[in-house]
């Protein structure tokens, strides 16, 4: 899906790779925050992880679609 938007070699590709890694780190931070918040509120860890994965996946996808491969 994103392959046609892959930048050519050079500075554009390095920028795209950097944004890709940053989007992954945003997803990781979001997942950690959601799991921590929901388990602190008393939710089962497995349910909290399921919710966090869903939110993180959608957020990461949107970041990559709108910024990394735009």
PDB file of N, CA and C in Angstrom:
ATOM      1  N   UNK A   1       0.817  -1.189   0.000  1.00  0.00           N
ATOM      2  CA  UNK A   1       0.000   0.000   0.000  1.00  0.00           C
ATOM      3  C   UNK A   1       0.865   1.258   0.000  1.00  0.00           C
ATOM      4  N   UNK A   2       1.922   1.264   0.798  1.00  0.00           N
ATOM      5  CA  UNK A   2       2.771   2.449   0.881  1.00  0.00           C
ATOM      6  C   UNK A   2       3.936   2.398  -0.104  1.00  0.00           C
ATOM      7  N   UNK A   3       4.168   1.269  -0.746  1.00  0.00           N
ATOM      8  CA  UNK A   3       5.330   1.094  -1.623  1.00  0.00           C
ATOM      9  C   UNK A   3       5.433   2.151  -2.725  1.00  0.00           C
ATOM     10  N   UNK A   4       4.344   2.539  -3.375  1.00  0.00           N
ATOM     11  CA  UNK A   4       4.482   3.564  -4.419  1.00  0.00           C
ATOM     12  C   UNK A   4       4.955   4.918  -3.880  1.00  0.00           C
ATOM     13  N   UNK A   5       4.788   5.165  -2.606  1.00  0.00           N
ATOM     14  CA  UNK A   5       5.180   6.446  -2.019  1.00  0.00           C
ATOM     15  C   UNK A   5       6.578   6.405  -1.406  1.00  0.00           C
ATOM     16  N   UNK A   6       7.309   5.330  -1.624  1.00  0.00           N
ATOM     17  CA  UNK A   6       8.657   5.205  -1.089  1.00  0.00           C
ATOM     18  C   UNK A   6       9.562   6.223  -1.770  1.00  0.00           C
ATOM     19  N   UNK A   7      10.290   6.985  -0.966  1.00  0.00           N
ATOM     20  CA  UNK A   7      11.159   8.027  -1.509  1.00  0.00           C
ATOM     21  C   UNK A   7      12.370   7.418  -2.198  1.00  0.00           C
ATOM     22  N   UNK A   8      12.932   8.164  -3.125  1.00  0.00           N
ATOM     23  CA  UNK A   8      14.156   7.730  -3.803  1.00  0.00           C
ATOM     24  C   UNK A   8      15.322   7.798  -2.822  1.00  0.00           C
ATOM     25  N   UNK A   9      16.420   7.153  -3.182  1.00  0.00           N
ATOM     26  CA  UNK A   9      17.608   7.180  -2.330  1.00  0.00           C
ATOM     27  C   UNK A   9      18.062   8.618  -2.109  1.00  0.00           C
ATOM     28  N   UNK A  10      18.669   8.863  -0.950  1.00  0.00           N
ATOM     29  CA  UNK A  10      19.183  10.196  -0.651  1.00  0.00           C
ATOM     30  C   UNK A  10      18.503  10.791   0.562  1.00  0.00           C
ATOM     31  N   UNK A  11      18.561  12.116   0.675  1.00  0.00           N
ATOM     32  CA  UNK A  11      18.002  12.798   1.857  1.00  0.00           C
ATOM     33  C   UNK A  11      16.503  12.547   2.056  1.00  0.00           C
ATOM     34  N   UNK A  12      15.768  12.430   0.970  1.00  0.00           N
ATOM     35  CA  UNK A  12      14.326  12.187   1.099  1.00  0.00           C
ATOM     36  C   UNK A  12      14.061  10.832   1.736  1.00  0.00           C
ATOM     37  N   UNK A  13      14.852   9.830   1.379  1.00  0.00           N
ATOM     38  CA  UNK A  13      14.673   8.492   1.962  1.00  0.00           C
ATOM     39  C   UNK A  13      15.060   8.495   3.435  1.00  0.00           C
ATOM     40  N   UNK A  14      16.139   9.194   3.781  1.00  0.00           N
ATOM     41  CA  UNK A  14      16.570   9.273   5.181  1.00  0.00           C
ATOM     42  C   UNK A  14      15.487   9.958   6.018  1.00  0.00           C
ATOM     43  N   UNK A  15      14.896  11.020   5.484  1.00  0.00           N
ATOM     44  CA  UNK A  15      13.803  11.712   6.189  1.00  0.00           C
ATOM     45  C   UNK A  15      12.639  10.764   6.394  1.00  0.00           C
ATOM     46  N   UNK A  16      12.298  10.020   5.370  1.00  0.00           N
ATOM     47  CA  UNK A  16      11.181   9.081   5.453  1.00  0.00           C
ATOM     48  C   UNK A  16      11.478   7.978   6.470  1.00  0.00           C
ATOM     49  N   UNK A  17      12.689   7.480   6.475  1.00  0.00           N
ATOM     50  CA  UNK A  17      13.061   6.444   7.440  1.00  0.00           C
ATOM     51  C   UNK A  17      13.004   6.982   8.868  1.00  0.00           C
ATOM     52  N   UNK A  18      13.455   8.211   9.054  1.00  0.00           N
ATOM     53  CA  UNK A  18      13.420   8.829  10.382  1.00  0.00           C
ATOM     54  C   UNK A  18      11.984   8.991  10.861  1.00  0.00           C
ATOM     55  N   UNK A  19      11.118   9.478   9.988  1.00  0.00           N
ATOM     56  CA  UNK A  19       9.709   9.633  10.352  1.00  0.00           C
ATOM     57  C   UNK A  19       9.055   8.286  10.636  1.00  0.00           C
ATOM     58  N   UNK A  20       9.452   7.252   9.908  1.00  0.00           N
ATOM     59  CA  UNK A  20       8.919   5.912  10.132  1.00  0.00           C
ATOM     60  C   UNK A  20       9.268   5.425  11.539  1.00  0.00           C
ATOM     61  N   UNK A  21      10.523   5.588  11.937  1.00  0.00           N
ATOM     62  CA  UNK A  21      10.958   5.174  13.269  1.00  0.00           C
ATOM     63  C   UNK A  21      10.248   6.001  14.336  1.00  0.00           C
ATOM     64  N   UNK A  22      10.132   7.298  14.111  1.00  0.00           N
ATOM     65  CA  UNK A  22       9.428   8.146  15.080  1.00  0.00           C
ATOM     66  C   UNK A  22       7.968   7.738  15.233  1.00  0.00           C
ATOM     67  N   UNK A  23       7.327   7.363  14.142  1.00  0.00           N
ATOM     68  CA  UNK A  23       5.934   6.914  14.244  1.00  0.00           C
ATOM     69  C   UNK A  23       5.837   5.621  15.050  1.00  0.00           C
ATOM     70  N   UNK A  24       6.824   4.751  14.911  1.00  0.00           N
ATOM     71  CA  UNK A  24       6.844   3.522  15.706  1.00  0.00           C
ATOM     72  C   UNK A  24       7.020   3.840  17.187  1.00  0.00           C
ATOM     73  N   UNK A  25       7.876   4.805  17.499  1.00  0.00           N
ATOM     74  CA  UNK A  25       8.079   5.194  18.894  1.00  0.00           C
ATOM     75  C   UNK A  25       6.835   5.846  19.491  1.00  0.00           C
ATOM     76  N   UNK A  26       6.115   6.607  18.681  1.00  0.00           N
ATOM     77  CA  UNK A  26       4.837   7.178  19.137  1.00  0.00           C
ATOM     78  C   UNK A  26       3.867   6.049  19.460  1.00  0.00           C
ATOM     79  N   UNK A  27       3.800   5.047  18.604  1.00  0.00           N
ATOM     80  CA  UNK A  27       2.928   3.902  18.848  1.00  0.00           C
ATOM     81  C   UNK A  27       3.304   3.163  20.121  1.00  0.00           C
ATOM     82  N   UNK A  28       4.606   2.976  20.338  1.00  0.00           N
ATOM     83  CA  UNK A  28       5.079   2.310  21.554  1.00  0.00           C
ATOM     84  C   UNK A  28       4.725   3.112  22.802  1.00  0.00           C
ATOM     85  N   UNK A  29       4.968   4.415  22.752  1.00  0.00           N
ATOM     86  CA  UNK A  29       4.649   5.277  23.901  1.00  0.00           C
ATOM     87  C   UNK A  29       3.149   5.287  24.173  1.00  0.00           C
ATOM     88  N   UNK A  30       2.354   5.340  23.134  1.00  0.00           N
ATOM     89  CA  UNK A  30       0.899   5.333  23.281  1.00  0.00           C
ATOM     90  C   UNK A  30       0.419   4.022  23.892  1.00  0.00           C
ATOM     91  N   UNK A  31       0.961   2.913  23.411  1.00  0.00           N
ATOM     92  CA  UNK A  31       0.600   1.602  23.956  1.00  0.00           C
ATOM     93  C   UNK A  31       0.942   1.521  25.433  1.00  0.00           C
ATOM     94  N   UNK A  32       2.151   1.938  25.781  1.00  0.00           N
ATOM     95  CA  UNK A  32       2.597   1.904  27.181  1.00  0.00           C
ATOM     96  C   UNK A  32       1.703   2.766  28.062  1.00  0.00           C
ATOM     97  N   UNK A  33       1.392   3.962  27.587  1.00  0.00           N
ATOM     98  CA  UNK A  33       0.562   4.878  28.375  1.00  0.00           C
ATOM     99  C   UNK A  33      -0.846   4.321  28.582  1.00  0.00           C
ATOM    100  N   UNK A  34      -1.422   3.769  27.533  1.00  0.00           N
ATOM    101  CA  UNK A  34      -2.786   3.239  27.640  1.00  0.00           C
ATOM    102  C   UNK A  34      -2.832   2.037  28.575  1.00  0.00           C
ATOM    103  N   UNK A  35      -1.890   1.121  28.423  1.00  0.00           N
ATOM    104  CA  UNK A  35      -1.857  -0.060  29.300  1.00  0.00           C
ATOM    105  C   UNK A  35      -1.664   0.364  30.748  1.00  0.00           C
ATOM    106  N   UNK A  36      -0.755   1.289  30.983  1.00  0.00           N
ATOM    107  CA  UNK A  36      -0.503   1.769  32.351  1.00  0.00           C
ATOM    108  C   UNK A  36      -1.749   2.418  32.938  1.00  0.00           C
ATOM    109  N   UNK A  37      -2.378   3.279  32.168  1.00  0.00           N
ATOM    110  CA  UNK A  37      -3.574   3.982  32.638  1.00  0.00           C
ATOM    111  C   UNK A  37      -4.718   3.015  32.926  1.00  0.00           C
ATOM    112  N   UNK A  38      -4.978   2.116  32.000  1.00  0.00           N
ATOM    113  CA  UNK A  38      -6.120   1.214  32.168  1.00  0.00           C
ATOM    114  C   UNK A  38      -5.893   0.179  33.273  1.00  0.00           C
ATOM    115  N   UNK A  39      -4.675  -0.329  33.397  1.00  0.00           N
ATOM    116  CA  UNK A  39      -4.420  -1.288  34.484  1.00  0.00           C
ATOM    117  C   UNK A  39      -4.439  -0.582  35.839  1.00  0.00           C
ATOM    118  N   UNK A  40      -4.014   0.672  35.874  1.00  0.00           N
ATOM    119  CA  UNK A  40      -4.096   1.443  37.122  1.00  0.00           C
ATOM    120  C   UNK A  40      -5.540   1.692  37.524  1.00  0.00           C
ATOM    121  N   UNK A  41      -6.415   1.747  36.527  1.00  0.00           N
ATOM    122  CA  UNK A  41      -7.844   1.961  36.784  1.00  0.00           C
ATOM    123  C   UNK A  41      -8.555   0.658  37.141  1.00  0.00           C
ATOM    124  N   UNK A  42      -7.805  -0.460  37.132  1.00  0.00           N
ATOM    125  CA  UNK A  42      -8.388  -1.722  37.547  1.00  0.00           C
ATOM    126  C   UNK A  42      -8.770  -2.671  36.425  1.00  0.00           C
ATOM    127  N   UNK A  43      -8.482  -2.316  35.196  1.00  0.00           N
ATOM    128  CA  UNK A  43      -8.820  -3.191  34.079  1.00  0.00           C
ATOM    129  C   UNK A  43      -7.817  -4.342  34.012  1.00  0.00           C
ATOM    130  N   UNK A  44      -8.293  -5.491  33.565  1.00  0.00           N
ATOM    131  CA  UNK A  44      -7.399  -6.631  33.363  1.00  0.00           C
ATOM    132  C   UNK A  44      -6.317  -6.253  32.352  1.00  0.00           C
ATOM    133  N   UNK A  45      -5.097  -6.704  32.596  1.00  0.00           N
ATOM    134  CA  UNK A  45      -3.975  -6.352  31.733  1.00  0.00           C
ATOM    135  C   UNK A  45      -4.195  -6.813  30.297  1.00  0.00           C
ATOM    136  N   UNK A  46      -4.765  -7.983  30.117  1.00  0.00           N
ATOM    137  CA  UNK A  46      -4.985  -8.493  28.757  1.00  0.00           C
ATOM    138  C   UNK A  46      -5.988  -7.628  27.990  1.00  0.00           C
ATOM    139  N   UNK A  47      -7.014  -7.160  28.655  1.00  0.00           N
ATOM    140  CA  UNK A  47      -8.015  -6.299  28.018  1.00  0.00           C
ATOM    141  C   UNK A  47      -7.402  -4.928  27.727  1.00  0.00           C
ATOM    142  N   UNK A  48      -6.602  -4.435  28.667  1.00  0.00           N
ATOM    143  CA  UNK A  48      -5.930  -3.150  28.471  1.00  0.00           C
ATOM    144  C   UNK A  48      -4.979  -3.217  27.282  1.00  0.00           C
ATOM    145  N   UNK A  49      -4.266  -4.315  27.151  1.00  0.00           N
ATOM    146  CA  UNK A  49      -3.350  -4.478  26.013  1.00  0.00           C
ATOM    147  C   UNK A  49      -4.117  -4.540  24.694  1.00  0.00           C
ATOM    148  N   UNK A  50      -5.225  -5.214  24.700  1.00  0.00           N
ATOM    149  CA  UNK A  50      -6.034  -5.310  23.483  1.00  0.00           C
ATOM    150  C   UNK A  50      -6.509  -3.924  23.044  1.00  0.00           C
ATOM    151  N   UNK A  51      -6.984  -3.143  23.978  1.00  0.00           N
ATOM    152  CA  UNK A  51      -7.426  -1.783  23.663  1.00  0.00           C
ATOM    153  C   UNK A  51      -6.255  -0.938  23.171  1.00  0.00           C
ATOM    154  N   UNK A  52      -5.117  -1.071  23.835  1.00  0.00           N
ATOM    155  CA  UNK A  52      -3.937  -0.280  23.480  1.00  0.00           C
ATOM    156  C   UNK A  52      -3.428  -0.630  22.095  1.00  0.00           C
ATOM    157  N   UNK A  53      -3.441  -1.904  21.754  1.00  0.00           N
ATOM    158  CA  UNK A  53      -2.970  -2.322  20.434  1.00  0.00           C
ATOM    159  C   UNK A  53      -3.864  -1.732  19.343  1.00  0.00           C
ATOM    160  N   UNK A  54      -5.164  -1.742  19.556  1.00  0.00           N
ATOM    161  CA  UNK A  54      -6.078  -1.169  18.572  1.00  0.00           C
ATOM    162  C   UNK A  54      -5.847   0.312  18.349  1.00  0.00           C
ATOM    163  N   UNK A  55      -5.756   1.058  19.431  1.00  0.00           N
ATOM    164  CA  UNK A  55      -5.540   2.508  19.328  1.00  0.00           C
ATOM    165  C   UNK A  55      -4.174   2.799  18.709  1.00  0.00           C
ATOM    166  N   UNK A  56      -3.165   2.081  19.153  1.00  0.00           N
ATOM    167  CA  UNK A  56      -1.809   2.293  18.644  1.00  0.00           C
ATOM    168  C   UNK A  56      -1.711   1.963  17.159  1.00  0.00           C
ATOM    169  N   UNK A  57      -2.341   0.883  16.747  1.00  0.00           N
ATOM    170  CA  UNK A  57      -2.298   0.496  15.331  1.00  0.00           C
ATOM    171  C   UNK A  57      -2.912   1.577  14.452  1.00  0.00           C
ATOM    172  N   UNK A  58      -4.079   2.044  14.827  1.00  0.00           N
ATOM    173  CA  UNK A  58      -4.762   3.069  14.031  1.00  0.00           C
ATOM    174  C   UNK A  58      -3.958   4.363  14.009  1.00  0.00           C
ATOM    175  N   UNK A  59      -3.427   4.756  15.152  1.00  0.00           N
ATOM    176  CA  UNK A  59      -2.642   5.988  15.227  1.00  0.00           C
ATOM    177  C   UNK A  59      -1.381   5.891  14.370  1.00  0.00           C
ATOM    178  N   UNK A  60      -0.674   4.782  14.487  1.00  0.00           N
ATOM    179  CA  UNK A  60       0.548   4.596  13.706  1.00  0.00           C
ATOM    180  C   UNK A  60       0.245   4.574  12.212  1.00  0.00           C
ATOM    181  N   UNK A  61      -0.810   3.888  11.835  1.00  0.00           N
ATOM    182  CA  UNK A  61      -1.209   3.848  10.424  1.00  0.00           C
ATOM    183  C   UNK A  61      -1.489   5.259   9.891  1.00  0.00           C
ATOM    184  N   UNK A  62      -2.258   6.019  10.656  1.00  0.00           N
ATOM    185  CA  UNK A  62      -2.604   7.373  10.213  1.00  0.00           C
ATOM    186  C   UNK A  62      -1.376   8.273  10.134  1.00  0.00           C
ATOM    187  N   UNK A  63      -0.479   8.170  11.099  1.00  0.00           N
ATOM    188  CA  UNK A  63       0.751   8.964  11.060  1.00  0.00           C
ATOM    189  C   UNK A  63       1.568   8.633   9.813  1.00  0.00           C
ATOM    190  N   UNK A  64       1.681   7.363   9.528  1.00  0.00           N
ATOM    191  CA  UNK A  64       2.462   6.954   8.354  1.00  0.00           C
ATOM    192  C   UNK A  64       1.773   7.374   7.061  1.00  0.00           C
ATOM    193  N   UNK A  65       0.480   7.270   7.027  1.00  0.00           N
ATOM    194  CA  UNK A  65      -0.253   7.650   5.810  1.00  0.00           C
ATOM    195  C   UNK A  65      -0.203   9.157   5.561  1.00  0.00           C
ATOM    196  N   UNK A  66      -0.338   9.942   6.642  1.00  0.00           N
ATOM    197  CA  UNK A  66      -0.427  11.402   6.482  1.00  0.00           C
ATOM    198  C   UNK A  66       0.929  12.108   6.464  1.00  0.00           C
ATOM    199  N   UNK A  67       1.955  11.523   7.108  1.00  0.00           N
ATOM    200  CA  UNK A  67       3.222  12.225   7.220  1.00  0.00           C
ATOM    201  C   UNK A  67       4.401  11.485   6.591  1.00  0.00           C
ATOM    202  N   UNK A  68       4.507  10.195   6.826  1.00  0.00           N
ATOM    203  CA  UNK A  68       5.684   9.467   6.349  1.00  0.00           C
ATOM    204  C   UNK A  68       5.611   9.231   4.845  1.00  0.00           C
ATOM    205  N   UNK A  69       4.485   8.754   4.375  1.00  0.00           N
ATOM    206  CA  UNK A  69       4.346   8.390   2.966  1.00  0.00           C
ATOM    207  C   UNK A  69       3.399   9.318   2.213  1.00  0.00           C
ATOM    208  N   UNK A  70       3.262  10.532   2.683  1.00  0.00           N
ATOM    209  CA  UNK A  70       2.352  11.503   2.029  1.00  0.00           C
ATOM    210  C   UNK A  70       2.911  11.986   0.713  1.00  0.00           C
TER     211      UNK A  70
END
